[in-house]
């Protein structure tokens, strides 16, 4: 693993109190609530320590507001 030089490291970043062991990433939900719920159910089965949402929650699907609310509840 190559370490970044100090020029690329932001000095004000706080380190988390606990580093997650298993991290799940979700993105490109696009308002598709049934699919989002199915993905979150699979993540729960895998016992991820944290779920991070990378964005694109709204867009094309019929339930964008519900997807945003679910991401607020479920994602770190």
C-alpha atoms as a PDB file:
ATOM      1  CA  UNK A   1       0.000   0.000   0.000  1.00  0.00           C
ATOM      2  CA  UNK A   2       1.316   3.412  -0.933  1.00  0.00           C
ATOM      3  CA  UNK A   3       0.870   6.170   1.619  1.00  0.00           C
ATOM      4  CA  UNK A   4      -0.341   9.562   0.461  1.00  0.00           C
ATOM      5  CA  UNK A   5       1.950  12.512   0.848  1.00  0.00           C
ATOM      6  CA  UNK A   6       0.987  15.093   3.462  1.00  0.00           C
ATOM      7  CA  UNK A   7      -0.028  17.451   0.636  1.00  0.00           C
ATOM      8  CA  UNK A   8      -2.985  15.221  -0.213  1.00  0.00           C
ATOM      9  CA  UNK A   9      -4.188  14.675   3.346  1.00  0.00           C
ATOM     10  CA  UNK A  10      -6.697  17.122   4.807  1.00  0.00           C
ATOM     11  CA  UNK A  11      -5.445  17.967   8.281  1.00  0.00           C
ATOM     12  CA  UNK A  12      -8.860  18.753   9.794  1.00  0.00           C
ATOM     13  CA  UNK A  13     -10.405  15.346   9.105  1.00  0.00           C
ATOM     14  CA  UNK A  14     -11.548  13.624  12.277  1.00  0.00           C
ATOM     15  CA  UNK A  15     -10.794   9.961  12.636  1.00  0.00           C
ATOM     16  CA  UNK A  16     -13.862   7.890  13.445  1.00  0.00           C
ATOM     17  CA  UNK A  17     -14.149   6.563  16.972  1.00  0.00           C
ATOM     18  CA  UNK A  18     -14.513   3.070  15.602  1.00  0.00           C
ATOM     19  CA  UNK A  19     -13.359   1.998  12.175  1.00  0.00           C
ATOM     20  CA  UNK A  20     -15.963  -0.207  10.502  1.00  0.00           C
ATOM     21  CA  UNK A  21     -14.853  -3.722   9.750  1.00  0.00           C
ATOM     22  CA  UNK A  22     -17.430  -4.406   7.056  1.00  0.00           C
ATOM     23  CA  UNK A  23     -18.627  -1.488   5.012  1.00  0.00           C
ATOM     24  CA  UNK A  24     -21.511  -1.543   2.521  1.00  0.00           C
ATOM     25  CA  UNK A  25     -21.782   1.089  -0.197  1.00  0.00           C
ATOM     26  CA  UNK A  26     -25.055   1.964  -1.912  1.00  0.00           C
ATOM     27  CA  UNK A  27     -25.670   4.382  -4.759  1.00  0.00           C
ATOM     28  CA  UNK A  28     -27.807   5.050  -7.814  1.00  0.00           C
ATOM     29  CA  UNK A  29     -31.107   4.243  -6.111  1.00  0.00           C
ATOM     30  CA  UNK A  30     -32.950   6.750  -8.336  1.00  0.00           C
ATOM     31  CA  UNK A  31     -36.216   6.627  -6.383  1.00  0.00           C
ATOM     32  CA  UNK A  32     -36.683   2.857  -6.732  1.00  0.00           C
ATOM     33  CA  UNK A  33     -37.892   2.073  -3.214  1.00  0.00           C
ATOM     34  CA  UNK A  34     -38.586  -1.676  -3.659  1.00  0.00           C
ATOM     35  CA  UNK A  35     -35.085  -2.238  -5.033  1.00  0.00           C
ATOM     36  CA  UNK A  36     -33.510  -0.096  -2.307  1.00  0.00           C
ATOM     37  CA  UNK A  37     -35.309  -2.090   0.387  1.00  0.00           C
ATOM     38  CA  UNK A  38     -34.144  -5.354  -1.204  1.00  0.00           C
ATOM     39  CA  UNK A  39     -30.531  -4.183  -1.252  1.00  0.00           C
ATOM     40  CA  UNK A  40     -30.707  -3.069   2.389  1.00  0.00           C
ATOM     41  CA  UNK A  41     -32.142  -6.471   3.340  1.00  0.00           C
ATOM     42  CA  UNK A  42     -29.204  -8.211   1.648  1.00  0.00           C
ATOM     43  CA  UNK A  43     -26.796  -5.890   3.455  1.00  0.00           C
ATOM     44  CA  UNK A  44     -28.392  -6.783   6.804  1.00  0.00           C
ATOM     45  CA  UNK A  45     -27.910 -10.481   6.028  1.00  0.00           C
ATOM     46  CA  UNK A  46     -24.221  -9.816   5.398  1.00  0.00           C
ATOM     47  CA  UNK A  47     -23.988  -8.006   8.750  1.00  0.00           C
ATOM     48  CA  UNK A  48     -22.198  -4.891   7.546  1.00  0.00           C
ATOM     49  CA  UNK A  49     -20.984  -2.607  10.322  1.00  0.00           C
ATOM     50  CA  UNK A  50     -21.924   0.550   8.416  1.00  0.00           C
ATOM     51  CA  UNK A  51     -23.839   1.477   5.288  1.00  0.00           C
ATOM     52  CA  UNK A  52     -22.653   4.462   3.303  1.00  0.00           C
ATOM     53  CA  UNK A  53     -24.830   6.101   0.669  1.00  0.00           C
ATOM     54  CA  UNK A  54     -22.847   7.611  -2.198  1.00  0.00           C
ATOM     55  CA  UNK A  55     -25.752   9.499  -3.714  1.00  0.00           C
ATOM     56  CA  UNK A  56     -28.212   9.532  -6.593  1.00  0.00           C
ATOM     57  CA  UNK A  57     -31.174   8.692  -4.365  1.00  0.00           C
ATOM     58  CA  UNK A  58     -33.699  10.540  -6.526  1.00  0.00           C
ATOM     59  CA  UNK A  59     -34.168  10.817 -10.229  1.00  0.00           C
ATOM     60  CA  UNK A  60     -36.258   8.383 -12.212  1.00  0.00           C
ATOM     61  CA  UNK A  61     -38.286   6.207  -9.838  1.00  0.00           C
ATOM     62  CA  UNK A  62     -41.673   6.900  -8.329  1.00  0.00           C
ATOM     63  CA  UNK A  63     -40.681   7.169  -4.661  1.00  0.00           C
ATOM     64  CA  UNK A  64     -37.763   9.596  -4.261  1.00  0.00           C
ATOM     65  CA  UNK A  65     -38.905  11.084  -0.937  1.00  0.00           C
ATOM     66  CA  UNK A  66     -39.302   7.650   0.613  1.00  0.00           C
ATOM     67  CA  UNK A  67     -35.833   6.650  -0.582  1.00  0.00           C
ATOM     68  CA  UNK A  68     -34.285   9.734   0.986  1.00  0.00           C
ATOM     69  CA  UNK A  69     -36.055   9.052   4.275  1.00  0.00           C
ATOM     70  CA  UNK A  70     -34.967   5.403   4.268  1.00  0.00           C
ATOM     71  CA  UNK A  71     -31.361   6.415   3.571  1.00  0.00           C
ATOM     72  CA  UNK A  72     -31.494   8.843   6.520  1.00  0.00           C
ATOM     73  CA  UNK A  73     -32.691   6.031   8.760  1.00  0.00           C
ATOM     74  CA  UNK A  74     -30.418   3.243   7.541  1.00  0.00           C
ATOM     75  CA  UNK A  75     -27.210   4.788   6.231  1.00  0.00           C
ATOM     76  CA  UNK A  76     -24.339   6.123   8.274  1.00  0.00           C
END
